[in-house]
Amino acid sequence: MVFGNSCKQCGVRGQALCGVLADEELAPLAACGVQRSLARGETLVHAGDKAPICANIQRGLMKISHINPAGQEVIVGLLWPGDFVGTPFAGGQPLPATHDIVALTPVSLCQFPQARVERTMVAHPAMERALLSRTLAELGAVRTRLSRLARATALARVAGFITETAHRSGVDDGETVTIIELPLSRGEMADLLGLTIETVSRQMTRLKNAGVIGLPGGRRVEIHDPDALAEAAEELV
């Protein structure tokens, strides 16, 4: 479905890459945008794909993963509402994708032809600068995460993931008890954090016993003490 003017009603426009454009600047890009819906488990990009995809995630969560030589899935990152998918200006011949991008929940996204995205960025350098800024920020975050993974305790890794999920979910820190739903199963968390399922479960129980969080069931987590959770996330070996 071509969405055109619905950009004005987009719930993540303020977070999305195209949010730096005024309505009249966005119009040519919006005119060729297509809104897509993906079911949980549906793949947007397969590793090896050469067809360039550029999209903004409007709703839902996606994982970035690949299959290692042992045939096991390795989750390397998550994509949240407002995040951008794509590699414009990658060169004449698009390089094959190195990772799968798969819906963890039902997902809505707006997808654009890569060539149109590139032309829009050339015409409006603010959008190009916004992409560069995001890319550098993500690179810095990856470097920080890799550095912390080498030094962070198992407790810090789990607490940090819960904290990041709360932040990216846009929860209100003013609430007495904040309830979030983790986007990953404990097995998937273990994969992402470099731990075992048993270790993830032990650390979550440890946080629960300390009164920092509650575990009402399923993937829901109640955050009772955000300061203590943030402090736990900084624990180093």
C-alpha atoms as a PDB file:
ATOM      1  CA  MET A   1       0.000   0.000   0.000  1.00  0.00           C
ATOM      2  CA  VAL A   2       1.426   3.394  -0.965  1.00  0.00           C
ATOM      3  CA  PHE A   3       1.170   5.534   2.143  1.00  0.00           C
ATOM      4  CA  GLY A   4       1.998   9.051   0.917  1.00  0.00           C
ATOM      5  CA  ASN A   5       0.317  11.572   3.218  1.00  0.00           C
ATOM      6  CA  SER A   6       0.088   9.143   6.135  1.00  0.00           C
ATOM      7  CA  CYS A   7       3.659  10.192   6.984  1.00  0.00           C
ATOM      8  CA  LYS A   8       2.004  13.038   8.891  1.00  0.00           C
ATOM      9  CA  GLN A   9       0.359  10.477  11.165  1.00  0.00           C
ATOM     10  CA  CYS A  10       3.450   8.279  11.521  1.00  0.00           C
ATOM     11  CA  GLY A  11       3.953   7.432  15.184  1.00  0.00           C
ATOM     12  CA  VAL A  12       7.736   7.281  14.914  1.00  0.00           C
ATOM     13  CA  ARG A  13       8.374  10.185  12.562  1.00  0.00           C
ATOM     14  CA  GLY A  14      10.178  12.078  15.304  1.00  0.00           C
ATOM     15  CA  GLN A  15      12.554   9.126  15.759  1.00  0.00           C
ATOM     16  CA  ALA A  16      12.854   8.020  12.127  1.00  0.00           C
ATOM     17  CA  LEU A  17      15.614   9.064   9.773  1.00  0.00           C
ATOM     18  CA  CYS A  18      13.206  10.982   7.541  1.00  0.00           C
ATOM     19  CA  GLY A  19      11.991  12.979  10.526  1.00  0.00           C
ATOM     20  CA  VAL A  20      14.586  15.655   9.768  1.00  0.00           C
ATOM     21  CA  LEU A  21      12.678  16.565   6.575  1.00  0.00           C
ATOM     22  CA  ALA A  22       9.823  19.046   6.313  1.00  0.00           C
ATOM     23  CA  ASP A  23       6.564  17.813   4.761  1.00  0.00           C
ATOM     24  CA  GLU A  24       7.334  19.305   1.354  1.00  0.00           C
ATOM     25  CA  GLU A  25      10.853  17.836   1.375  1.00  0.00           C
ATOM     26  CA  LEU A  26       9.542  14.406   2.327  1.00  0.00           C
ATOM     27  CA  ALA A  27       6.785  14.328  -0.292  1.00  0.00           C
ATOM     28  CA  PRO A  28       8.799  12.829  -3.214  1.00  0.00           C
ATOM     29  CA  LEU A  29      10.134  10.053  -0.990  1.00  0.00           C
ATOM     30  CA  ALA A  30       6.750   9.413   0.614  1.00  0.00           C
ATOM     31  CA  ALA A  31       5.115   9.142  -2.803  1.00  0.00           C
ATOM     32  CA  CYS A  32       7.098   5.981  -3.590  1.00  0.00           C
ATOM     33  CA  GLY A  33       7.041   4.479  -0.112  1.00  0.00           C
ATOM     34  CA  VAL A  34       5.176   1.253   0.538  1.00  0.00           C
ATOM     35  CA  GLN A  35       3.902   0.121   3.903  1.00  0.00           C
ATOM     36  CA  ARG A  36       4.544  -3.528   4.745  1.00  0.00           C
ATOM     37  CA  SER A  37       3.496  -5.832   7.540  1.00  0.00           C
ATOM     38  CA  LEU A  38       5.509  -8.842   8.663  1.00  0.00           C
ATOM     39  CA  ALA A  39       4.312 -11.669  10.886  1.00  0.00           C
ATOM     40  CA  ARG A  40       6.397 -12.901  13.787  1.00  0.00           C
ATOM     41  CA  GLY A  41       9.218 -15.022  12.380  1.00  0.00           C
ATOM     42  CA  GLU A  42       8.969 -13.568   8.865  1.00  0.00           C
ATOM     43  CA  THR A  43      12.270 -12.535   7.278  1.00  0.00           C
ATOM     44  CA  LEU A  44      12.764  -9.095   5.744  1.00  0.00           C
ATOM     45  CA  VAL A  45      16.351  -9.699   4.602  1.00  0.00           C
ATOM     46  CA  HIS A  46      18.138 -13.016   4.080  1.00  0.00           C
ATOM     47  CA  ALA A  47      21.906 -13.254   4.348  1.00  0.00           C
ATOM     48  CA  GLY A  48      23.191 -13.301   0.788  1.00  0.00           C
ATOM     49  CA  ASP A  49      20.392 -11.144  -0.627  1.00  0.00           C
ATOM     50  CA  LYS A  50      21.596  -8.548  -3.124  1.00  0.00           C
ATOM     51  CA  ALA A  51      18.326  -6.653  -3.524  1.00  0.00           C
ATOM     52  CA  PRO A  52      18.819  -3.386  -1.609  1.00  0.00           C
ATOM     53  CA  ILE A  53      16.169  -2.622   0.992  1.00  0.00           C
ATOM     54  CA  CYS A  54      15.682   0.687   2.799  1.00  0.00           C
ATOM     55  CA  ALA A  55      12.984   0.924   5.433  1.00  0.00           C
ATOM     56  CA  ASN A  56      11.907   2.588   8.668  1.00  0.00           C
ATOM     57  CA  ILE A  57      10.456   0.349  11.373  1.00  0.00           C
ATOM     58  CA  GLN A  58       7.150   1.788  12.582  1.00  0.00           C
ATOM     59  CA  ARG A  59       6.005  -0.897  14.999  1.00  0.00           C
ATOM     60  CA  GLY A  60       7.402  -4.118  16.427  1.00  0.00           C
ATOM     61  CA  LEU A  61      10.888  -5.537  16.941  1.00  0.00           C
ATOM     62  CA  MET A  62      13.337  -7.292  14.650  1.00  0.00           C
ATOM     63  CA  LYS A  63      16.541  -9.235  15.228  1.00  0.00           C
ATOM     64  CA  ILE A  64      19.756  -9.169  13.227  1.00  0.00           C
ATOM     65  CA  SER A  65      21.328 -12.608  13.137  1.00  0.00           C
ATOM     66  CA  HIS A  66      23.427 -15.057  11.171  1.00  0.00           C
ATOM     67  CA  ILE A  67      24.126 -18.777  11.198  1.00  0.00           C
ATOM     68  CA  ASN A  68      27.620 -19.690  12.392  1.00  0.00           C
ATOM     69  CA  PRO A  69      29.708 -22.547  10.916  1.00  0.00           C
ATOM     70  CA  ALA A  70      28.268 -24.910  13.530  1.00  0.00           C
ATOM     71  CA  GLY A  71      24.779 -24.228  12.209  1.00  0.00           C
ATOM     72  CA  GLN A  72      23.706 -22.192  15.248  1.00  0.00           C
ATOM     73  CA  GLU A  73      21.914 -18.866  15.080  1.00  0.00           C
ATOM     74  CA  VAL A  74      23.877 -15.941  16.500  1.00  0.00           C
ATOM     75  CA  ILE A  75      21.877 -12.806  17.346  1.00  0.00           C
ATOM     76  CA  VAL A  76      24.045  -9.709  16.986  1.00  0.00           C
ATOM     77  CA  GLY A  77      21.522  -6.923  17.471  1.00  0.00           C
ATOM     78  CA  LEU A  78      17.937  -5.707  17.649  1.00  0.00           C
ATOM     79  CA  LEU A  79      15.958  -3.158  15.649  1.00  0.00           C
ATOM     80  CA  TRP A  80      13.291  -1.052  17.364  1.00  0.00           C
ATOM     81  CA  PRO A  81      10.571   1.342  16.181  1.00  0.00           C
ATOM     82  CA  GLY A  82      12.211   4.346  14.542  1.00  0.00           C
ATOM     83  CA  ASP A  83      15.298   2.386  13.454  1.00  0.00           C
ATOM     84  CA  PHE A  84      16.449   2.439   9.830  1.00  0.00           C
ATOM     85  CA  VAL A  85      17.251  -0.640   7.739  1.00  0.00           C
ATOM     86  CA  GLY A  86      19.467  -0.290   4.674  1.00  0.00           C
ATOM     87  CA  THR A  87      22.862   0.675   3.307  1.00  0.00           C
ATOM     88  CA  PRO A  88      22.462   3.518   0.809  1.00  0.00           C
ATOM     89  CA  PHE A  89      25.566   4.610  -1.120  1.00  0.00           C
ATOM     90  CA  ALA A  90      27.008   1.100  -0.840  1.00  0.00           C
ATOM     91  CA  GLY A  91      28.464   1.315  -4.360  1.00  0.00           C
ATOM     92  CA  GLY A  92      27.550   0.374  -7.915  1.00  0.00           C
ATOM     93  CA  GLN A  93      26.894  -3.301  -7.295  1.00  0.00           C
ATOM     94  CA  PRO A  94      25.088  -3.860  -3.990  1.00  0.00           C
ATOM     95  CA  LEU A  95      27.004  -6.157  -1.676  1.00  0.00           C
ATOM     96  CA  PRO A  96      25.156  -9.265  -0.475  1.00  0.00           C
ATOM     97  CA  ALA A  97      23.601  -8.929   2.965  1.00  0.00           C
ATOM     98  CA  THR A  98      25.720 -10.483   5.696  1.00  0.00           C
ATOM     99  CA  HIS A  99      22.884 -11.062   8.179  1.00  0.00           C
ATOM    100  CA  ASP A 100      19.251 -12.087   8.351  1.00  0.00           C
ATOM    101  CA  ILE A 101      16.745  -9.493   9.591  1.00  0.00           C
ATOM    102  CA  VAL A 102      13.762 -11.283  11.101  1.00  0.00           C
ATOM    103  CA  ALA A 103      10.592 -10.086  12.850  1.00  0.00           C
ATOM    104  CA  LEU A 104      10.497 -10.967  16.545  1.00  0.00           C
ATOM    105  CA  THR A 105       6.947  -9.645  16.818  1.00  0.00           C
ATOM    106  CA  PRO A 106       4.382  -8.497  14.259  1.00  0.00           C
ATOM    107  CA  VAL A 107       6.137  -5.638  12.462  1.00  0.00           C
ATOM    108  CA  SER A 108       4.980  -2.658  10.415  1.00  0.00           C
ATOM    109  CA  LEU A 109       7.513  -0.785   8.336  1.00  0.00           C
ATOM    110  CA  CYS A 110       7.664   1.683   5.477  1.00  0.00           C
ATOM    111  CA  GLN A 111       9.938   0.613   2.660  1.00  0.00           C
ATOM    112  CA  PHE A 112      11.521   2.797  -0.025  1.00  0.00           C
ATOM    113  CA  PRO A 113      13.523   2.186  -3.216  1.00  0.00           C
ATOM    114  CA  GLN A 114      17.176   2.643  -2.335  1.00  0.00           C
ATOM    115  CA  ALA A 115      17.795   4.898  -5.347  1.00  0.00           C
ATOM    116  CA  ARG A 116      15.060   7.286  -4.182  1.00  0.00           C
ATOM    117  CA  VAL A 117      16.509   7.365  -0.666  1.00  0.00           C
ATOM    118  CA  GLU A 118      19.921   8.210  -2.107  1.00  0.00           C
ATOM    119  CA  ARG A 119      18.501  11.011  -4.271  1.00  0.00           C
ATOM    120  CA  THR A 120      16.624  12.428  -1.285  1.00  0.00           C
ATOM    121  CA  MET A 121      19.789  12.437   0.798  1.00  0.00           C
ATOM    122  CA  VAL A 122      21.745  14.189  -1.962  1.00  0.00           C
ATOM    123  CA  ALA A 123      19.016  16.819  -2.271  1.00  0.00           C
ATOM    124  CA  HIS A 124      18.694  17.223   1.509  1.00  0.00           C
ATOM    125  CA  PRO A 125      22.090  16.859   3.243  1.00  0.00           C
ATOM    126  CA  ALA A 126      20.424  17.036   6.666  1.00  0.00           C
ATOM    127  CA  MET A 127      19.067  13.517   6.115  1.00  0.00           C
ATOM    128  CA  GLU A 128      22.473  12.298   4.948  1.00  0.00           C
ATOM    129  CA  ARG A 129      24.077  13.810   8.053  1.00  0.00           C
ATOM    130  CA  ALA A 130      21.422  12.176  10.216  1.00  0.00           C
ATOM    131  CA  LEU A 131      22.276   8.766   8.722  1.00  0.00           C
ATOM    132  CA  LEU A 132      25.989   9.380   9.280  1.00  0.00           C
ATOM    133  CA  SER A 133      25.323  10.453  12.864  1.00  0.00           C
ATOM    134  CA  ARG A 134      23.247   7.331  13.523  1.00  0.00           C
ATOM    135  CA  THR A 135      25.819   5.066  11.926  1.00  0.00           C
ATOM    136  CA  LEU A 136      28.641   6.524  14.012  1.00  0.00           C
ATOM    137  CA  ALA A 137      26.514   6.299  17.170  1.00  0.00           C
ATOM    138  CA  GLU A 138      25.713   2.650  16.446  1.00  0.00           C
ATOM    139  CA  LEU A 139      29.392   1.929  15.778  1.00  0.00           C
ATOM    140  CA  GLY A 140      30.295   3.535  19.083  1.00  0.00           C
ATOM    141  CA  ALA A 141      27.604   1.540  20.877  1.00  0.00           C
ATOM    142  CA  VAL A 142      28.891  -1.710  19.354  1.00  0.00           C
ATOM    143  CA  ARG A 143      32.448  -0.907  20.439  1.00  0.00           C
ATOM    144  CA  THR A 144      31.260  -0.089  23.943  1.00  0.00           C
ATOM    145  CA  ARG A 145      29.215  -3.270  24.091  1.00  0.00           C
ATOM    146  CA  LEU A 146      32.125  -5.427  22.939  1.00  0.00           C
ATOM    147  CA  SER A 147      34.401  -3.781  25.484  1.00  0.00           C
ATOM    148  CA  ARG A 148      31.864  -4.287  28.261  1.00  0.00           C
ATOM    149  CA  LEU A 149      31.162  -7.887  27.303  1.00  0.00           C
ATOM    150  CA  ALA A 150      34.809  -8.647  27.953  1.00  0.00           C
ATOM    151  CA  ARG A 151      34.636  -7.128  31.469  1.00  0.00           C
ATOM    152  CA  ALA A 152      30.988  -7.149  32.546  1.00  0.00           C
ATOM    153  CA  THR A 153      29.728  -9.755  34.980  1.00  0.00           C
ATOM    154  CA  ALA A 154      26.842 -11.995  34.017  1.00  0.00           C
ATOM    155  CA  LEU A 155      24.623  -9.911  36.306  1.00  0.00           C
ATOM    156  CA  ALA A 156      25.651  -6.705  34.531  1.00  0.00           C
ATOM    157  CA  ARG A 157      24.882  -8.164  31.116  1.00  0.00           C
ATOM    158  CA  VAL A 158      21.382  -9.225  32.118  1.00  0.00           C
ATOM    159  CA  ALA A 159      20.651  -6.016  34.037  1.00  0.00           C
ATOM    160  CA  GLY A 160      21.969  -3.953  31.132  1.00  0.00           C
ATOM    161  CA  PHE A 161      19.703  -5.739  28.678  1.00  0.00           C
ATOM    162  CA  ILE A 162      16.649  -5.117  30.864  1.00  0.00           C
ATOM    163  CA  THR A 163      17.635  -1.456  31.238  1.00  0.00           C
ATOM    164  CA  GLU A 164      18.099  -1.014  27.485  1.00  0.00           C
ATOM    165  CA  THR A 165      14.765  -2.691  26.774  1.00  0.00           C
ATOM    166  CA  ALA A 166      13.025  -0.327  29.186  1.00  0.00           C
ATOM    167  CA  HIS A 167      14.726   2.670  27.580  1.00  0.00           C
ATOM    168  CA  ARG A 168      13.949   1.633  24.007  1.00  0.00           C
ATOM    169  CA  SER A 169      10.373   0.783  24.971  1.00  0.00           C
ATOM    170  CA  GLY A 170       9.884   4.390  26.040  1.00  0.00           C
ATOM    171  CA  VAL A 171       8.675   3.567  29.545  1.00  0.00           C
ATOM    172  CA  ASP A 172       7.891   6.305  32.043  1.00  0.00           C
ATOM    173  CA  ASP A 173      10.554   6.260  34.743  1.00  0.00           C
ATOM    174  CA  GLY A 174       8.175   8.189  36.982  1.00  0.00           C
ATOM    175  CA  GLU A 175       5.976   5.143  37.485  1.00  0.00           C
ATOM    176  CA  THR A 176       6.241   3.367  40.843  1.00  0.00           C
ATOM    177  CA  VAL A 177       6.597   0.029  39.058  1.00  0.00           C
ATOM    178  CA  THR A 178       7.486  -0.145  35.389  1.00  0.00           C
ATOM    179  CA  ILE A 179       6.341  -3.247  33.522  1.00  0.00           C
ATOM    180  CA  ILE A 180       8.075  -4.210  30.290  1.00  0.00           C
ATOM    181  CA  GLU A 181       8.022  -7.239  28.044  1.00  0.00           C
ATOM    182  CA  LEU A 182      11.408  -8.579  27.017  1.00  0.00           C
ATOM    183  CA  PRO A 183      11.733  -8.963  23.231  1.00  0.00           C
ATOM    184  CA  LEU A 184      13.785 -12.153  23.485  1.00  0.00           C
ATOM    185  CA  SER A 185      13.357 -15.513  25.141  1.00  0.00           C
ATOM    186  CA  ARG A 186      15.919 -16.422  27.782  1.00  0.00           C
ATOM    187  CA  GLY A 187      17.664 -18.611  25.248  1.00  0.00           C
ATOM    188  CA  GLU A 188      17.873 -15.731  22.788  1.00  0.00           C
ATOM    189  CA  MET A 189      19.085 -13.421  25.559  1.00  0.00           C
ATOM    190  CA  ALA A 190      21.804 -15.924  26.383  1.00  0.00           C
ATOM    191  CA  ASP A 191      22.848 -15.961  22.738  1.00  0.00           C
ATOM    192  CA  LEU A 192      22.980 -12.180  22.511  1.00  0.00           C
ATOM    193  CA  LEU A 193      24.776 -11.709  25.850  1.00  0.00           C
ATOM    194  CA  GLY A 194      27.292 -14.535  25.484  1.00  0.00           C
ATOM    195  CA  LEU A 195      25.868 -16.521  28.410  1.00  0.00           C
ATOM    196  CA  THR A 196      24.051 -19.807  28.968  1.00  0.00           C
ATOM    197  CA  ILE A 197      20.298 -20.043  29.503  1.00  0.00           C
ATOM    198  CA  GLU A 198      20.929 -21.257  33.050  1.00  0.00           C
ATOM    199  CA  THR A 199      23.120 -18.249  33.811  1.00  0.00           C
ATOM    200  CA  VAL A 200      20.528 -15.811  32.458  1.00  0.00           C
ATOM    201  CA  SER A 201      17.841 -17.458  34.600  1.00  0.00           C
ATOM    202  CA  ARG A 202      20.068 -17.363  37.715  1.00  0.00           C
ATOM    203  CA  GLN A 203      20.851 -13.670  37.290  1.00  0.00           C
ATOM    204  CA  MET A 204      17.198 -12.759  36.760  1.00  0.00           C
ATOM    205  CA  THR A 205      16.292 -14.711  39.893  1.00  0.00           C
ATOM    206  CA  ARG A 206      19.106 -12.926  41.736  1.00  0.00           C
ATOM    207  CA  LEU A 207      17.682  -9.535  40.728  1.00  0.00           C
ATOM    208  CA  LYS A 208      14.214 -10.693  41.751  1.00  0.00           C
ATOM    209  CA  ASN A 209      15.393 -11.929  45.162  1.00  0.00           C
ATOM    210  CA  ALA A 210      17.126  -8.587  45.727  1.00  0.00           C
ATOM    211  CA  GLY A 211      13.839  -6.791  45.120  1.00  0.00           C
ATOM    212  CA  VAL A 212      15.157  -5.023  42.026  1.00  0.00           C
ATOM    213  CA  ILE A 213      12.721  -6.643  39.613  1.00  0.00           C
ATOM    214  CA  GLY A 214       9.639  -8.825  39.656  1.00  0.00           C
ATOM    215  CA  LEU A 215       8.935 -11.725  37.314  1.00  0.00           C
ATOM    216  CA  PRO A 216       5.137 -12.022  37.028  1.00  0.00           C
ATOM    217  CA  GLY A 217       5.289 -14.570  34.227  1.00  0.00           C
ATOM    218  CA  GLY A 218       6.108 -15.013  30.567  1.00  0.00           C
ATOM    219  CA  ARG A 219       8.561 -12.412  29.320  1.00  0.00           C
ATOM    220  CA  ARG A 220       7.184  -9.651  31.541  1.00  0.00           C
ATOM    221  CA  VAL A 221       9.502  -7.904  33.961  1.00  0.00           C
ATOM    222  CA  GLU A 222       8.465  -5.460  36.682  1.00  0.00           C
ATOM    223  CA  ILE A 223      11.179  -2.908  37.452  1.00  0.00           C
ATOM    224  CA  HIS A 224      10.890  -2.032  41.141  1.00  0.00           C
ATOM    225  CA  ASP A 225      14.216  -0.239  41.651  1.00  0.00           C
ATOM    226  CA  PRO A 226      15.566   1.341  38.437  1.00  0.00           C
ATOM    227  CA  ASP A 227      18.553   2.876  40.258  1.00  0.00           C
ATOM    228  CA  ALA A 228      19.662  -0.484  41.621  1.00  0.00           C
ATOM    229  CA  LEU A 229      19.108  -2.036  38.185  1.00  0.00           C
ATOM    230  CA  ALA A 230      21.289   0.640  36.554  1.00  0.00           C
ATOM    231  CA  GLU A 231      23.950   0.099  39.222  1.00  0.00           C
ATOM    232  CA  ALA A 232      23.911  -3.661  38.587  1.00  0.00           C
ATOM    233  CA  ALA A 233      24.337  -2.999  34.858  1.00  0.00           C
ATOM    234  CA  GLU A 234      27.680  -1.303  35.579  1.00  0.00           C
ATOM    235  CA  GLU A 235      29.182  -4.206  37.548  1.00  0.00           C
ATOM    236  CA  LEU A 236      32.550  -5.306  36.164  1.00  0.00           C
ATOM    237  CA  VAL A 237      34.643  -8.386  36.751  1.00  0.00           C
END
